Amino acid sequence: ENKYLTFSTSNHGQPPLLKKPSSAVVKTHNNSEKKPAKPHGKHSKEKKVKILHLADVHIDEKKTVNGKIIYDEEGINIRLKDLLDCISQVKNTAEKENVSLTLIAGDLFERKTPTPFETYTATKVLSELGSICPVVLIPGNHDAVDSIKALGFIKNIYVPEPFTPIRFSDITIFCVPYPDLKEGSRSEVKQLYERKILETSKKLKENSNFLVALCHAPVEGASYPTTDRDVNEVTLSPSCFKHLDYAALGHIHKPQRIENIYYPGSVDTWRRQEADEEKGFYIIDTDTHEVTFYPITTRPVHNLNFTIDTIPLVINVLEQSIVRIEIEVPEERAGDYDPVRVQNVIAGNPLDVKIIPLIIRTQRMRCQEIVQAKNFDEIITTYMKNKKLPEEKINRIREKIMELVREKELEAKLC
């Protein structure tokens, strides 16, 4: 039975209907007809074998803009549409570059329990990518294993078991799941996974022209786009990947290379802290071992910081950008802060603007003499002397305070 899915358009902003095609024929990028690619099919010697590597898609129909969801005229989350536009850029490049295989290194979904519409969206995305070439997919720490395995029914989509090799022509791939601390302590899990990766890659390398590990995990020496990394997760040593021709990793949303390990980063801006990070994916030529990064055009995000005295006369922002402005305001000048003034100096046509005043509270220095005072009477006297009050006034206030203290002490004893 042919399980390959095609999609028809629908009206009123509702999800398209799923339909089975009349035959198992798919269209290639040049509109010629051919059978869907099979994992064990041999490429001709003349054809270059190219692998596309992306990661951290994070399909999320609840994604917010400055803390709120913005819908388009059809009732679709505008940030989800942004993500689909990013994936369209991936698909177009895959067709143009005649990619032979696509690898998705985890975190297809934002959460472990995707909504029906998120599952539908994932099905549509994978079906479109699978119409070009086979796609190998693994779960990340945001995904439930069963949710990802369920997508294996789509034509040309493969979700292999961990550490079980799968071959595409002369390419051998094995998958490494996100290191799970349920399997032991952090050091035990680290040793277990590093040993499995080394043993598996060493064994497979003997009969592989091009060996790839598809993995979702942090690696020692990797740079994070934000400082909020999980210090409790298992971080693998780069040396455990040494037998590989290419380590296709996901999890860290910043494009980077560590020896033969590559992180493409996330497909779209996942958090505002990633605003300055380039987004994209890699294409690997398995003949020359050349790796090329292809950037993705994403919606602009501006994170701007000013003090109340450094707000410029004009703040230029990009068209349809997401803007967040933080203004530092000293506590004693809180009355001078005017959000309307900030809003009026923004030039451009942003999608959304959020202005946040950061009230800087004045730190009061502790008087060392007060800290060292031995009793309440001494604290009061020292405090008022530091206020430079006249001696006569200090004595009068001190006597009144101590009188009140004695009254309260007497009331407490009577009670």
Protein backbone atom coordinates (compact mmCIF):
# COMPACT_ATOMS: atom_id res chain seq x y z
CA GLU A 1 0.00 0.00 0.00
CA ASN A 2 1.32 3.41 -0.94
CA LYS A 3 1.55 5.56 2.19
CA TYR A 4 3.07 8.64 0.56
CA LEU A 5 0.93 11.70 1.29
CA THR A 6 0.17 14.67 -0.92
CA PHE A 7 -1.67 17.79 0.13
CA SER A 8 -4.52 19.75 -1.38
CA THR A 9 -5.21 23.38 -0.57
CA SER A 10 -8.23 24.32 1.52
CA ASN A 11 -10.37 27.37 2.19
CA HIS A 12 -11.11 29.43 5.29
CA GLY A 13 -7.64 28.97 6.77
CA GLN A 14 -8.31 25.32 7.68
CA PRO A 15 -5.55 22.68 7.40
CA PRO A 16 -5.36 21.08 3.93
CA LEU A 17 -6.83 17.61 3.53
CA LEU A 18 -4.56 14.56 3.42
CA LYS A 19 -4.99 12.50 0.26
CA LYS A 20 -3.37 9.40 -1.14
CA PRO A 21 -2.03 9.80 -4.68
CA SER A 22 -3.17 7.55 -7.47
CA SER A 23 0.35 6.21 -8.05
CA ALA A 24 3.73 5.97 -6.36
CA VAL A 25 5.26 8.52 -8.72
CA VAL A 26 6.71 11.77 -7.38
CA LYS A 27 7.86 14.91 -9.18
CA THR A 28 11.51 15.91 -9.11
CA HIS A 29 12.74 19.50 -9.16
CA ASN A 30 12.81 19.49 -12.97
CA ASN A 31 9.27 18.01 -13.20
CA SER A 32 10.48 14.66 -14.52
CA GLU A 33 8.79 11.58 -13.10
CA LYS A 34 10.61 8.87 -11.21
CA LYS A 35 10.06 6.35 -8.47
CA PRO A 36 10.64 7.62 -4.91
CA ALA A 37 14.23 7.20 -3.75
CA LYS A 38 14.98 4.02 -1.82
CA PRO A 39 17.54 3.73 0.98
CA HIS A 40 19.54 0.98 -0.70
CA GLY A 41 19.51 2.39 -4.23
CA LYS A 42 22.92 2.89 -5.91
CA HIS A 43 23.89 6.32 -7.26
CA SER A 44 25.58 6.45 -10.62
CA LYS A 45 29.29 7.22 -10.61
CA GLU A 46 28.68 10.48 -12.47
CA LYS A 47 26.27 11.81 -9.86
CA LYS A 48 27.61 13.71 -6.89
CA VAL A 49 26.18 12.51 -3.60
CA LYS A 50 25.16 15.44 -1.40
CA ILE A 51 23.77 15.37 2.14
CA LEU A 52 21.69 18.19 3.62
CA HIS A 53 21.97 18.57 7.41
CA LEU A 54 19.54 20.66 9.47
CA ALA A 55 18.36 20.57 13.07
CA ASP A 56 16.16 22.13 15.76
CA VAL A 57 13.04 22.95 13.76
CA HIS A 58 10.82 23.44 16.85
CA ILE A 59 7.37 23.34 15.24
CA ASP A 60 5.18 25.37 17.61
CA GLU A 61 1.71 26.74 16.86
CA LYS A 62 1.80 28.62 20.20
CA LYS A 63 4.99 30.56 19.49
CA THR A 64 4.74 34.12 20.77
CA VAL A 65 5.90 37.58 19.71
CA ASN A 66 6.95 39.61 22.75
CA GLY A 67 4.81 37.39 24.97
CA LYS A 68 1.68 37.21 22.80
CA ILE A 69 0.49 35.17 19.81
CA ILE A 70 -0.11 37.14 16.60
CA TYR A 71 -2.39 35.57 13.99
CA ASP A 72 -2.66 36.42 10.31
CA GLU A 73 -5.96 37.08 8.51
CA GLU A 74 -6.49 33.31 8.11
CA GLY A 75 -6.07 32.63 11.82
CA ILE A 76 -2.60 31.05 11.51
CA ASN A 77 0.15 31.91 14.00
CA ILE A 78 2.42 34.30 12.12
CA ARG A 79 5.57 32.89 13.74
CA LEU A 80 4.61 29.38 12.61
CA LYS A 81 4.28 30.77 9.08
CA ASP A 82 7.76 32.28 9.49
CA LEU A 83 9.10 28.82 10.32
CA LEU A 84 7.40 27.28 7.28
CA ASP A 85 8.97 29.99 5.12
CA CYS A 86 12.39 29.03 6.51
CA ILE A 87 11.75 25.38 5.69
CA SER A 88 10.66 26.36 2.17
CA GLN A 89 14.09 27.93 1.72
CA VAL A 90 15.65 24.62 2.79
CA LYS A 91 13.46 22.71 0.34
CA ASN A 92 14.23 25.07 -2.55
CA THR A 93 17.97 24.75 -1.96
CA ALA A 94 17.70 20.96 -1.70
CA GLU A 95 16.06 20.87 -5.13
CA LYS A 96 18.50 23.33 -6.66
CA GLU A 97 21.58 21.53 -5.30
CA ASN A 98 20.20 18.08 -6.21
CA VAL A 99 20.56 16.79 -2.65
CA SER A 100 20.57 12.99 -2.30
CA LEU A 101 19.80 12.69 1.42
CA THR A 102 18.47 14.95 4.21
CA LEU A 103 19.33 14.55 7.91
CA ILE A 104 17.28 16.20 10.68
CA ALA A 105 19.20 16.11 13.97
CA GLY A 106 16.36 16.29 16.48
CA ASP A 107 13.85 18.71 18.03
CA LEU A 108 11.35 18.62 15.20
CA PHE A 109 8.69 19.67 17.72
CA GLU A 110 8.76 22.29 20.46
CA ARG A 111 7.14 20.00 23.05
CA LYS A 112 6.83 16.28 23.74
CA THR A 113 3.05 16.35 23.29
CA PRO A 114 2.52 18.10 19.93
CA THR A 115 -0.95 19.36 19.09
CA PRO A 116 -2.85 17.79 16.17
CA PHE A 117 -2.08 20.84 14.03
CA GLU A 118 1.64 20.64 14.90
CA THR A 119 1.62 16.95 13.92
CA TYR A 120 -0.15 17.83 10.69
CA THR A 121 2.45 20.54 10.01
CA ALA A 122 5.30 18.09 10.64
CA THR A 123 3.68 15.59 8.27
CA LYS A 124 3.40 18.22 5.55
CA VAL A 125 7.00 19.40 6.03
CA LEU A 126 8.45 15.89 5.96
CA SER A 127 6.34 14.87 2.97
CA GLU A 128 7.64 17.83 0.98
CA LEU A 129 11.26 17.16 1.94
CA GLY A 130 10.76 13.43 1.30
CA SER A 131 9.52 14.14 -2.22
CA ILE A 132 13.05 15.31 -3.06
CA CYS A 133 15.14 12.62 -1.37
CA PRO A 134 15.14 10.25 1.63
CA VAL A 135 15.00 11.94 5.04
CA VAL A 136 16.52 10.46 8.21
CA LEU A 137 15.07 11.85 11.42
CA ILE A 138 15.91 11.40 15.11
CA PRO A 139 14.14 12.68 18.26
CA GLY A 140 15.69 15.46 20.34
CA ASN A 141 15.20 16.36 23.98
CA HIS A 142 12.05 18.36 23.07
CA ASP A 143 10.54 15.38 21.21
CA ALA A 144 8.79 12.27 22.47
CA VAL A 145 10.31 9.19 20.84
CA ASP A 146 6.87 7.80 19.94
CA SER A 147 5.83 11.09 18.27
CA ILE A 148 8.87 10.91 15.99
CA LYS A 149 8.56 7.18 15.30
CA ALA A 150 4.94 7.73 14.23
CA LEU A 151 6.18 9.92 11.37
CA GLY A 152 8.04 6.97 9.86
CA PHE A 153 4.86 6.00 7.96
CA ILE A 154 5.50 8.85 5.51
CA LYS A 155 7.11 7.80 2.24
CA ASN A 156 10.89 8.31 2.22
CA ILE A 157 11.04 9.18 5.96
CA TYR A 158 13.26 6.97 8.13
CA VAL A 159 13.49 6.88 11.92
CA PRO A 160 16.19 4.27 12.68
CA GLU A 161 16.69 2.59 16.04
CA PRO A 162 19.61 3.97 18.10
CA PHE A 163 23.06 2.76 16.98
CA THR A 164 21.51 0.64 14.20
CA PRO A 165 23.18 1.43 10.83
CA ILE A 166 21.17 2.42 7.78
CA ARG A 167 22.77 2.64 4.32
CA PHE A 168 22.06 4.99 1.43
CA SER A 169 24.29 4.07 -1.50
CA ASP A 170 27.86 4.40 -0.17
CA ILE A 171 26.75 6.40 2.89
CA THR A 172 26.35 4.69 6.26
CA ILE A 173 24.46 6.43 9.06
CA PHE A 174 23.83 5.50 12.66
CA CYS A 175 21.77 7.53 15.10
CA VAL A 176 22.64 8.60 18.64
CA PRO A 177 19.72 9.59 20.90
CA TYR A 178 19.82 12.45 23.40
CA PRO A 179 21.74 11.12 26.45
CA ASP A 180 19.11 10.18 29.03
CA LEU A 181 20.00 10.53 32.71
CA LYS A 182 17.43 7.83 33.49
CA GLU A 183 20.13 5.37 32.42
CA GLY A 184 22.43 6.33 35.30
CA SER A 185 24.45 9.17 36.76
CA ARG A 186 25.81 11.89 34.51
CA SER A 187 29.32 10.39 34.46
CA GLU A 188 27.96 6.87 33.86
CA VAL A 189 25.75 7.98 30.96
CA LYS A 190 28.61 10.00 29.46
CA GLN A 191 30.94 6.97 29.52
CA LEU A 192 28.20 4.69 28.16
CA TYR A 193 27.37 6.91 25.17
CA GLU A 194 30.97 7.74 24.33
CA ARG A 195 31.88 4.05 24.37
CA LYS A 196 28.88 3.13 22.18
CA ILE A 197 29.71 5.85 19.65
CA LEU A 198 33.36 4.80 19.47
CA GLU A 199 32.60 1.08 19.17
CA THR A 200 29.83 1.53 16.59
CA SER A 201 31.78 3.96 14.41
CA LYS A 202 34.97 1.89 14.52
CA LYS A 203 33.09 -1.24 13.49
CA LEU A 204 31.13 0.43 10.66
CA LYS A 205 34.09 2.40 9.30
CA GLU A 206 35.69 -0.74 7.87
CA ASN A 207 32.91 -1.16 5.27
CA SER A 208 31.81 2.47 4.77
CA ASN A 209 32.98 4.97 2.19
CA PHE A 210 31.33 7.82 4.10
CA LEU A 211 30.29 7.32 7.74
CA VAL A 212 27.90 9.69 9.51
CA ALA A 213 26.54 9.84 13.06
CA LEU A 214 23.24 11.69 13.48
CA CYS A 215 23.13 12.90 17.07
CA HIS A 216 21.25 15.32 19.34
CA ALA A 217 23.52 16.27 22.24
CA PRO A 218 25.91 18.95 23.53
CA VAL A 219 29.63 18.49 22.90
CA GLU A 220 32.51 19.81 24.98
CA GLY A 221 33.90 23.05 23.57
CA ALA A 222 30.68 24.09 21.83
CA SER A 223 29.58 27.71 22.06
CA TYR A 224 26.01 28.53 23.13
CA PRO A 225 24.01 31.52 21.84
CA THR A 226 22.68 32.14 25.37
CA THR A 227 23.98 31.56 28.88
CA ASP A 228 20.97 29.54 30.02
CA ARG A 229 22.40 26.13 29.11
CA ASP A 230 21.39 23.14 31.23
CA VAL A 231 24.45 22.42 33.39
CA ASN A 232 23.00 19.05 34.39
CA GLU A 233 22.86 17.53 30.90
CA VAL A 234 25.45 15.08 29.58
CA THR A 235 28.15 16.72 27.45
CA LEU A 236 30.03 14.37 25.13
CA SER A 237 33.73 14.51 24.29
CA PRO A 238 34.57 15.37 20.64
CA SER A 239 37.07 12.48 20.64
CA CYS A 240 34.27 9.87 20.60
CA PHE A 241 33.39 11.03 17.05
CA LYS A 242 36.95 10.67 15.71
CA HIS A 243 36.24 7.67 13.42
CA LEU A 244 33.49 9.50 11.52
CA ASP A 245 33.65 11.34 8.24
CA TYR A 246 30.93 13.68 9.47
CA ALA A 247 29.11 14.11 12.80
CA ALA A 248 25.69 15.70 12.16
CA LEU A 249 24.59 17.20 15.45
CA GLY A 250 21.66 19.16 16.77
CA HIS A 251 20.69 20.75 20.11
CA ILE A 252 22.83 23.91 20.16
CA HIS A 253 21.22 26.77 18.22
CA LYS A 254 24.45 28.31 16.98
CA PRO A 255 26.15 27.26 13.71
CA GLN A 256 29.65 25.97 14.45
CA ARG A 257 32.24 23.33 13.77
CA ILE A 258 34.29 21.40 16.31
CA GLU A 259 36.78 19.20 14.44
CA ASN A 260 34.54 16.89 12.35
CA ILE A 261 31.41 17.81 14.36
CA TYR A 262 28.91 20.26 12.85
CA TYR A 263 26.00 22.12 14.43
CA PRO A 264 23.83 23.94 11.85
CA GLY A 265 21.90 25.78 14.59
CA SER A 266 18.13 26.20 14.63
CA VAL A 267 16.15 26.78 11.45
CA ASP A 268 14.51 29.98 12.75
CA THR A 269 15.09 32.35 15.69
CA TRP A 270 13.84 30.29 18.64
CA ARG A 271 14.44 32.84 21.40
CA ARG A 272 15.09 36.57 21.30
CA GLN A 273 18.61 35.96 22.68
CA GLU A 274 19.42 34.30 19.33
CA ALA A 275 18.70 37.49 17.38
CA ASP A 276 22.35 37.94 16.39
CA GLU A 277 22.92 34.28 15.45
CA GLU A 278 22.89 33.33 11.78
CA LYS A 279 20.38 30.62 10.86
CA GLY A 280 20.88 27.98 8.20
CA PHE A 281 21.92 24.44 7.31
CA TYR A 282 24.84 22.50 5.82
CA ILE A 283 25.26 20.63 2.55
CA ILE A 284 28.04 18.05 2.44
CA ASP A 285 29.66 16.78 -0.76
CA THR A 286 30.61 13.21 0.11
CA ASP A 287 33.06 12.98 -2.81
CA THR A 288 35.19 15.99 -1.86
CA HIS A 289 34.17 16.13 1.84
CA GLU A 290 33.45 19.82 1.30
CA VAL A 291 30.94 21.29 3.78
CA THR A 292 29.02 24.45 2.83
CA PHE A 293 26.80 26.53 5.11
CA TYR A 294 23.63 27.92 3.52
CA PRO A 295 22.08 30.84 5.44
CA ILE A 296 18.32 31.18 5.91
CA THR A 297 16.58 34.56 5.73
CA THR A 298 14.52 34.96 8.91
CA ARG A 299 12.27 37.66 10.35
CA PRO A 300 14.49 40.38 11.89
CA VAL A 301 14.61 40.59 15.69
CA HIS A 302 15.95 43.70 17.45
CA ASN A 303 17.05 43.63 21.10
CA LEU A 304 17.88 47.24 22.01
CA ASN A 305 19.14 48.68 25.29
CA PHE A 306 19.29 52.34 26.31
CA THR A 307 19.44 54.44 29.44
CA ILE A 308 16.92 57.22 30.01
CA ASP A 309 19.62 59.69 28.89
CA THR A 310 20.79 57.82 25.77
CA ILE A 311 17.50 57.30 23.92
CA PRO A 312 18.29 58.41 20.34
CA LEU A 313 16.24 60.88 18.36
CA VAL A 314 15.45 58.12 15.84
CA ILE A 315 15.46 54.33 16.31
CA ASN A 316 15.62 52.69 12.89
CA VAL A 317 14.21 49.16 12.72
CA LEU A 318 13.78 46.75 9.82
CA GLU A 319 10.46 46.15 8.06
CA GLN A 320 8.11 43.76 9.92
CA SER A 321 10.72 43.15 12.61
CA ILE A 322 10.16 42.09 16.21
CA VAL A 323 11.45 44.82 18.51
CA ARG A 324 12.19 44.71 22.23
CA ILE A 325 13.59 47.85 23.89
CA GLU A 326 14.84 47.95 27.47
CA ILE A 327 15.30 51.38 29.10
CA GLU A 328 17.37 51.69 32.28
CA VAL A 329 15.71 54.22 34.60
CA PRO A 330 17.25 55.23 37.97
CA GLU A 331 14.74 54.91 40.79
CA GLU A 332 14.90 58.60 41.63
CA ARG A 333 14.10 59.52 37.98
CA ALA A 334 11.18 57.15 37.45
CA GLY A 335 8.91 60.16 36.90
CA ASP A 336 10.97 61.21 33.86
CA TYR A 337 10.29 57.96 31.97
CA ASP A 338 7.80 58.38 29.12
CA PRO A 339 7.04 55.26 27.02
CA VAL A 340 5.15 57.34 24.44
CA ARG A 341 8.31 59.32 23.75
CA VAL A 342 10.21 56.08 23.04
CA GLN A 343 7.41 54.77 20.81
CA ASN A 344 7.38 57.99 18.79
CA VAL A 345 11.08 57.82 17.84
CA ILE A 346 10.81 54.33 16.27
CA ALA A 347 11.18 54.65 12.50
CA GLY A 348 10.09 51.81 10.24
CA ASN A 349 7.19 49.40 10.13
CA PRO A 350 7.84 46.75 12.82
CA LEU A 351 5.55 43.77 13.37
CA ASP A 352 5.50 44.38 17.11
CA VAL A 353 7.28 46.56 19.69
CA LYS A 354 7.68 45.95 23.41
CA ILE A 355 9.21 48.67 25.61
CA ILE A 356 10.35 47.64 29.08
CA PRO A 357 11.53 50.10 31.76
CA LEU A 358 14.23 48.64 34.01
CA ILE A 359 14.03 50.53 37.31
CA ILE A 360 17.53 50.72 38.80
CA ARG A 361 17.18 50.93 42.56
CA THR A 362 19.73 53.05 44.40
CA GLN A 363 21.93 50.97 46.66
CA ARG A 364 22.32 52.49 50.11
CA MET A 365 25.64 51.97 51.84
CA ARG A 366 25.43 50.45 55.30
CA CYS A 367 26.93 52.53 58.08
CA GLN A 368 29.71 50.47 59.64
CA GLU A 369 29.09 52.01 63.08
CA ILE A 370 25.44 50.89 62.96
CA VAL A 371 26.46 47.36 61.97
CA GLN A 372 28.81 47.22 64.96
CA ALA A 373 26.34 48.74 67.47
CA LYS A 374 25.78 46.56 70.54
CA ASN A 375 22.20 47.49 71.50
CA PHE A 376 19.09 49.22 70.18
CA ASP A 377 19.78 52.50 72.00
CA GLU A 378 23.24 52.67 70.42
CA ILE A 379 21.80 51.91 66.95
CA ILE A 380 19.32 54.82 67.24
CA THR A 381 21.94 57.26 68.48
CA THR A 382 24.49 56.32 65.79
CA TYR A 383 21.88 56.51 63.01
CA MET A 384 20.76 60.03 63.98
CA LYS A 385 24.35 61.26 64.34
CA ASN A 386 25.00 60.08 60.78
CA LYS A 387 22.00 62.17 59.75
CA LYS A 388 23.87 65.13 61.31
CA LEU A 389 20.98 66.07 63.61
CA PRO A 390 21.61 68.49 66.51
CA GLU A 391 22.57 66.81 69.80
CA GLU A 392 19.52 68.22 71.58
CA LYS A 393 17.16 66.83 68.94
CA ILE A 394 18.91 63.45 68.97
CA ASN A 395 18.44 63.14 72.75
CA ARG A 396 14.77 64.13 72.53
CA ILE A 397 14.00 61.63 69.75
CA ARG A 398 16.05 58.88 71.42
CA GLU A 399 14.23 59.31 74.73
CA LYS A 400 10.84 59.19 72.99
CA ILE A 401 11.76 56.04 71.04
CA MET A 402 13.14 54.29 74.12
CA GLU A 403 9.99 55.21 76.05
CA LEU A 404 7.88 53.53 73.35
CA VAL A 405 10.17 50.49 73.41
CA ARG A 406 9.78 50.14 77.20
CA GLU A 407 5.99 50.39 76.89
CA LYS A 408 5.94 47.61 74.29
CA GLU A 409 8.21 45.43 76.42
CA LEU A 410 5.89 45.93 79.40
CA GLU A 411 2.82 45.04 77.29
CA ALA A 412 4.56 41.89 76.11
CA LYS A 413 5.30 40.81 79.71
CA LEU A 414 1.70 41.43 80.81
CA CYS A 415 0.42 39.36 77.90
